[in-house]
Amino acid sequence: MDAEEALVVLCTCPDEATGRQIATALLAAELAACVNCLPGIRSWYRWEGQLRDDAEVLLVIKTRQARYAAVEAMLRENHPYEVPEIIALPVVAGARNYLDWVRQATGA
């Protein structure tokens, strides 16, 4: 797989239980090759006219561009936030064997 086909999708969640549920669903559907759940992050943001400060976890989802629409749909269906953070970042370079594994693990 070429690096340009790979994506890293970021999604914050309110807690590890939610992150685990979403990660498991993505992996079971072969929409992600790997999901890292980074606990202990702090998010400051503006929501409904107020400044917010919340503890969250960050999901780092490794997938392919061809699977992005399904990843986004699953995140929206399973996420408790009204407006979840769903941001896809392109991979510009990576180890060939790792990228091949991402392709294989995501149903290619």
N, C-alpha and C. Protein backbone atom coordinates (compact mmCIF):
# COMPACT_ATOMS: atom_id res chain seq x y z
N MET A 1 0.85 -1.17 0.00
CA MET A 1 0.00 0.00 0.00
C MET A 1 0.89 1.23 0.00
N ASP A 2 0.54 2.21 -0.79
CA ASP A 2 1.25 3.48 -0.78
C ASP A 2 0.86 4.27 0.46
N ALA A 3 1.79 5.04 0.98
CA ALA A 3 1.53 5.83 2.18
C ALA A 3 0.32 6.74 1.99
N GLU A 4 0.12 7.25 0.78
CA GLU A 4 -0.97 8.18 0.53
C GLU A 4 -2.34 7.55 0.74
N GLU A 5 -2.43 6.23 0.74
CA GLU A 5 -3.71 5.55 0.96
C GLU A 5 -4.04 5.44 2.44
N ALA A 6 -3.06 5.59 3.30
CA ALA A 6 -3.26 5.43 4.74
C ALA A 6 -3.75 6.73 5.36
N LEU A 7 -4.57 6.58 6.40
CA LEU A 7 -5.07 7.72 7.17
C LEU A 7 -4.89 7.44 8.64
N VAL A 8 -4.68 8.50 9.39
CA VAL A 8 -4.77 8.46 10.84
C VAL A 8 -5.96 9.34 11.20
N VAL A 9 -6.93 8.75 11.89
CA VAL A 9 -8.14 9.48 12.27
C VAL A 9 -8.07 9.71 13.78
N LEU A 10 -8.30 10.96 14.19
CA LEU A 10 -8.31 11.34 15.59
C LEU A 10 -9.74 11.54 16.05
N CYS A 11 -10.04 11.03 17.25
CA CYS A 11 -11.38 11.18 17.80
C CYS A 11 -11.27 11.20 19.32
N THR A 12 -11.74 12.28 19.95
CA THR A 12 -11.75 12.33 21.41
C THR A 12 -13.03 11.69 21.93
N CYS A 13 -12.92 11.09 23.12
CA CYS A 13 -14.04 10.43 23.78
C CYS A 13 -14.07 10.87 25.24
N PRO A 14 -15.22 10.77 25.89
CA PRO A 14 -15.31 11.25 27.27
C PRO A 14 -14.60 10.37 28.29
N ASP A 15 -14.38 9.08 27.97
CA ASP A 15 -13.76 8.19 28.94
C ASP A 15 -13.23 6.93 28.24
N GLU A 16 -12.46 6.14 28.98
CA GLU A 16 -11.85 4.94 28.40
C GLU A 16 -12.88 3.89 28.01
N ALA A 17 -13.96 3.78 28.76
CA ALA A 17 -15.00 2.79 28.43
C ALA A 17 -15.60 3.09 27.05
N THR A 18 -15.87 4.35 26.77
CA THR A 18 -16.40 4.74 25.46
C THR A 18 -15.35 4.48 24.39
N GLY A 19 -14.11 4.84 24.66
CA GLY A 19 -13.03 4.60 23.71
C GLY A 19 -12.86 3.13 23.40
N ARG A 20 -12.93 2.29 24.42
CA ARG A 20 -12.80 0.84 24.23
C ARG A 20 -13.94 0.29 23.38
N GLN A 21 -15.17 0.75 23.64
CA GLN A 21 -16.34 0.29 22.88
C GLN A 21 -16.21 0.68 21.41
N ILE A 22 -15.81 1.91 21.15
CA ILE A 22 -15.66 2.37 19.77
C ILE A 22 -14.51 1.64 19.09
N ALA A 23 -13.38 1.50 19.76
CA ALA A 23 -12.23 0.81 19.18
C ALA A 23 -12.59 -0.63 18.82
N THR A 24 -13.28 -1.31 19.72
CA THR A 24 -13.68 -2.70 19.47
C THR A 24 -14.60 -2.80 18.27
N ALA A 25 -15.54 -1.88 18.16
CA ALA A 25 -16.47 -1.88 17.02
C ALA A 25 -15.73 -1.65 15.70
N LEU A 26 -14.79 -0.70 15.68
CA LEU A 26 -14.02 -0.42 14.47
C LEU A 26 -13.18 -1.62 14.06
N LEU A 27 -12.54 -2.27 15.03
CA LEU A 27 -11.70 -3.42 14.73
C LEU A 27 -12.54 -4.62 14.27
N ALA A 28 -13.66 -4.85 14.91
CA ALA A 28 -14.52 -5.99 14.56
C ALA A 28 -15.05 -5.85 13.13
N ALA A 29 -15.29 -4.62 12.70
CA ALA A 29 -15.81 -4.37 11.35
C ALA A 29 -14.69 -4.24 10.31
N GLU A 30 -13.44 -4.44 10.73
CA GLU A 30 -12.27 -4.29 9.87
C GLU A 30 -12.17 -2.89 9.25
N LEU A 31 -12.60 -1.89 10.02
CA LEU A 31 -12.50 -0.51 9.56
C LEU A 31 -11.20 0.13 10.02
N ALA A 32 -10.55 -0.47 11.00
CA ALA A 32 -9.28 0.03 11.52
C ALA A 32 -8.34 -1.15 11.70
N ALA A 33 -7.05 -0.89 11.47
CA ALA A 33 -6.04 -1.90 11.72
C ALA A 33 -5.60 -1.86 13.18
N CYS A 34 -5.63 -0.66 13.75
CA CYS A 34 -5.16 -0.45 15.11
C CYS A 34 -5.82 0.82 15.64
N VAL A 35 -6.16 0.80 16.92
CA VAL A 35 -6.68 1.99 17.58
C VAL A 35 -5.92 2.15 18.89
N ASN A 36 -5.24 3.27 19.05
CA ASN A 36 -4.60 3.60 20.31
C ASN A 36 -5.55 4.48 21.10
N CYS A 37 -5.65 4.23 22.39
CA CYS A 37 -6.49 5.04 23.28
C CYS A 37 -5.55 5.72 24.27
N LEU A 38 -5.40 7.01 24.12
CA LEU A 38 -4.49 7.78 24.97
C LEU A 38 -5.28 8.44 26.09
N PRO A 39 -5.14 7.95 27.31
CA PRO A 39 -5.88 8.52 28.43
C PRO A 39 -5.20 9.78 28.96
N GLY A 40 -5.93 10.47 29.80
CA GLY A 40 -5.34 11.57 30.54
C GLY A 40 -5.12 12.84 29.75
N ILE A 41 -5.84 13.03 28.65
CA ILE A 41 -5.69 14.30 27.95
C ILE A 41 -6.69 15.30 28.52
N ARG A 42 -6.42 16.54 28.32
CA ARG A 42 -7.27 17.62 28.79
C ARG A 42 -7.65 18.44 27.57
N SER A 43 -8.93 18.73 27.41
CA SER A 43 -9.41 19.52 26.27
C SER A 43 -10.05 20.80 26.77
N TRP A 44 -9.56 21.91 26.22
CA TRP A 44 -10.17 23.21 26.46
C TRP A 44 -10.79 23.64 25.15
N TYR A 45 -12.04 24.04 25.20
CA TYR A 45 -12.74 24.41 23.96
C TYR A 45 -13.94 25.28 24.28
N ARG A 46 -14.50 25.86 23.26
CA ARG A 46 -15.71 26.68 23.38
C ARG A 46 -16.88 25.84 22.89
N TRP A 47 -17.92 25.75 23.71
CA TRP A 47 -19.11 24.98 23.32
C TRP A 47 -20.35 25.74 23.82
N GLU A 48 -21.26 26.02 22.91
CA GLU A 48 -22.51 26.72 23.21
C GLU A 48 -22.25 28.01 24.00
N GLY A 49 -21.25 28.76 23.53
CA GLY A 49 -20.96 30.07 24.10
C GLY A 49 -20.19 30.06 25.40
N GLN A 50 -19.78 28.89 25.87
CA GLN A 50 -19.04 28.82 27.12
C GLN A 50 -17.70 28.13 26.91
N LEU A 51 -16.71 28.53 27.71
CA LEU A 51 -15.42 27.85 27.69
C LEU A 51 -15.54 26.58 28.52
N ARG A 52 -15.05 25.48 27.98
CA ARG A 52 -15.12 24.18 28.66
C ARG A 52 -13.71 23.66 28.92
N ASP A 53 -13.60 22.85 29.93
CA ASP A 53 -12.34 22.21 30.33
C ASP A 53 -12.72 20.80 30.77
N ASP A 54 -12.41 19.80 29.93
CA ASP A 54 -12.83 18.44 30.22
C ASP A 54 -11.68 17.44 30.09
N ALA A 55 -11.70 16.42 30.93
CA ALA A 55 -10.81 15.27 30.77
C ALA A 55 -11.39 14.39 29.68
N GLU A 56 -10.54 13.90 28.79
CA GLU A 56 -10.98 13.03 27.70
C GLU A 56 -9.89 11.99 27.43
N VAL A 57 -10.21 11.07 26.54
CA VAL A 57 -9.22 10.17 25.96
C VAL A 57 -9.20 10.44 24.47
N LEU A 58 -8.06 10.17 23.85
CA LEU A 58 -7.91 10.39 22.41
C LEU A 58 -7.73 9.06 21.72
N LEU A 59 -8.58 8.79 20.74
CA LEU A 59 -8.40 7.61 19.89
C LEU A 59 -7.56 8.01 18.68
N VAL A 60 -6.55 7.20 18.40
CA VAL A 60 -5.71 7.37 17.21
C VAL A 60 -5.97 6.12 16.37
N ILE A 61 -6.69 6.31 15.28
CA ILE A 61 -7.22 5.21 14.48
C ILE A 61 -6.43 5.11 13.18
N LYS A 62 -5.85 3.93 12.91
CA LYS A 62 -5.12 3.71 11.66
C LYS A 62 -6.02 2.97 10.69
N THR A 63 -6.22 3.58 9.50
CA THR A 63 -7.13 3.02 8.50
C THR A 63 -6.66 3.42 7.11
N ARG A 64 -7.54 3.23 6.12
CA ARG A 64 -7.26 3.62 4.74
C ARG A 64 -8.31 4.62 4.26
N GLN A 65 -7.94 5.42 3.26
CA GLN A 65 -8.88 6.38 2.70
C GLN A 65 -10.16 5.71 2.23
N ALA A 66 -10.04 4.53 1.65
CA ALA A 66 -11.21 3.82 1.13
C ALA A 66 -12.19 3.44 2.24
N ARG A 67 -11.74 3.39 3.48
CA ARG A 67 -12.60 3.00 4.60
C ARG A 67 -13.08 4.21 5.41
N TYR A 68 -12.64 5.42 5.04
CA TYR A 68 -12.93 6.59 5.85
C TYR A 68 -14.43 6.84 6.04
N ALA A 69 -15.21 6.79 4.99
CA ALA A 69 -16.65 7.08 5.12
C ALA A 69 -17.31 6.14 6.11
N ALA A 70 -16.95 4.87 6.08
CA ALA A 70 -17.51 3.90 7.02
C ALA A 70 -17.00 4.14 8.44
N VAL A 71 -15.74 4.54 8.58
CA VAL A 71 -15.19 4.87 9.90
C VAL A 71 -15.96 6.05 10.48
N GLU A 72 -16.13 7.09 9.69
CA GLU A 72 -16.87 8.27 10.18
C GLU A 72 -18.30 7.90 10.56
N ALA A 73 -18.97 7.11 9.74
CA ALA A 73 -20.34 6.71 10.04
C ALA A 73 -20.41 5.93 11.35
N MET A 74 -19.47 5.01 11.57
CA MET A 74 -19.48 4.23 12.80
C MET A 74 -19.19 5.12 14.01
N LEU A 75 -18.25 6.05 13.86
CA LEU A 75 -17.97 6.97 14.96
C LEU A 75 -19.21 7.78 15.32
N ARG A 76 -19.89 8.30 14.32
CA ARG A 76 -21.10 9.10 14.58
C ARG A 76 -22.19 8.25 15.25
N GLU A 77 -22.36 7.02 14.82
CA GLU A 77 -23.39 6.14 15.38
C GLU A 77 -23.11 5.75 16.83
N ASN A 78 -21.84 5.60 17.17
CA ASN A 78 -21.47 5.06 18.48
C ASN A 78 -20.96 6.09 19.48
N HIS A 79 -20.89 7.34 19.07
CA HIS A 79 -20.28 8.37 19.91
C HIS A 79 -21.35 9.11 20.71
N PRO A 80 -21.09 9.37 22.00
CA PRO A 80 -22.10 10.07 22.81
C PRO A 80 -22.15 11.58 22.59
N TYR A 81 -21.13 12.16 21.98
CA TYR A 81 -21.13 13.62 21.79
C TYR A 81 -22.06 14.02 20.65
N GLU A 82 -22.68 15.17 20.80
CA GLU A 82 -23.52 15.73 19.74
C GLU A 82 -22.67 16.04 18.50
N VAL A 83 -21.48 16.57 18.72
CA VAL A 83 -20.55 16.89 17.63
C VAL A 83 -19.19 16.29 17.99
N PRO A 84 -18.97 15.03 17.66
CA PRO A 84 -17.68 14.41 18.00
C PRO A 84 -16.55 14.95 17.12
N GLU A 85 -15.37 15.00 17.71
CA GLU A 85 -14.18 15.33 16.92
C GLU A 85 -13.85 14.12 16.04
N ILE A 86 -13.86 14.34 14.73
CA ILE A 86 -13.45 13.31 13.78
C ILE A 86 -12.59 14.03 12.75
N ILE A 87 -11.28 13.80 12.84
CA ILE A 87 -10.33 14.48 11.97
C ILE A 87 -9.42 13.43 11.33
N ALA A 88 -9.35 13.43 10.02
CA ALA A 88 -8.49 12.49 9.30
C ALA A 88 -7.24 13.20 8.82
N LEU A 89 -6.09 12.59 9.09
CA LEU A 89 -4.81 13.14 8.67
C LEU A 89 -4.16 12.17 7.68
N PRO A 90 -3.66 12.67 6.56
CA PRO A 90 -3.00 11.78 5.61
C PRO A 90 -1.65 11.32 6.13
N VAL A 91 -1.26 10.12 5.75
CA VAL A 91 0.07 9.60 6.05
C VAL A 91 0.94 9.90 4.84
N VAL A 92 2.03 10.61 5.04
CA VAL A 92 2.88 10.98 3.91
C VAL A 92 4.03 10.01 3.71
N ALA A 93 4.35 9.24 4.73
CA ALA A 93 5.40 8.23 4.62
C ALA A 93 5.21 7.24 5.75
N GLY A 94 5.72 6.02 5.52
CA GLY A 94 5.63 5.00 6.56
C GLY A 94 6.35 3.74 6.13
N ALA A 95 6.61 2.88 7.08
CA ALA A 95 7.28 1.62 6.79
C ALA A 95 6.38 0.76 5.91
N ARG A 96 6.90 0.27 4.83
CA ARG A 96 6.14 -0.50 3.85
C ARG A 96 5.41 -1.67 4.49
N ASN A 97 6.10 -2.43 5.35
CA ASN A 97 5.46 -3.60 5.95
C ASN A 97 4.31 -3.20 6.89
N TYR A 98 4.45 -2.08 7.58
CA TYR A 98 3.37 -1.60 8.44
C TYR A 98 2.17 -1.17 7.61
N LEU A 99 2.43 -0.42 6.55
CA LEU A 99 1.34 0.03 5.69
C LEU A 99 0.64 -1.14 5.01
N ASP A 100 1.40 -2.15 4.62
CA ASP A 100 0.80 -3.36 4.05
C ASP A 100 -0.09 -4.05 5.08
N TRP A 101 0.33 -4.08 6.33
CA TRP A 101 -0.48 -4.66 7.38
C TRP A 101 -1.78 -3.87 7.59
N VAL A 102 -1.69 -2.54 7.56
CA VAL A 102 -2.90 -1.71 7.68
C VAL A 102 -3.88 -2.07 6.57
N ARG A 103 -3.39 -2.19 5.34
CA ARG A 103 -4.26 -2.55 4.21
C ARG A 103 -4.89 -3.91 4.45
N GLN A 104 -4.10 -4.88 4.83
CA GLN A 104 -4.60 -6.24 5.04
C GLN A 104 -5.62 -6.28 6.18
N ALA A 105 -5.34 -5.58 7.25
CA ALA A 105 -6.21 -5.61 8.44
C ALA A 105 -7.51 -4.85 8.26
N THR A 106 -7.58 -4.03 7.21
CA THR A 106 -8.80 -3.25 6.96
C THR A 106 -9.58 -3.79 5.78
N GLY A 107 -9.46 -5.07 5.56
CA GLY A 107 -10.32 -5.74 4.59
C GLY A 107 -9.94 -5.58 3.13
N ALA A 108 -8.70 -5.28 2.84
CA ALA A 108 -8.29 -5.13 1.44
C ALA A 108 -7.86 -6.46 0.86
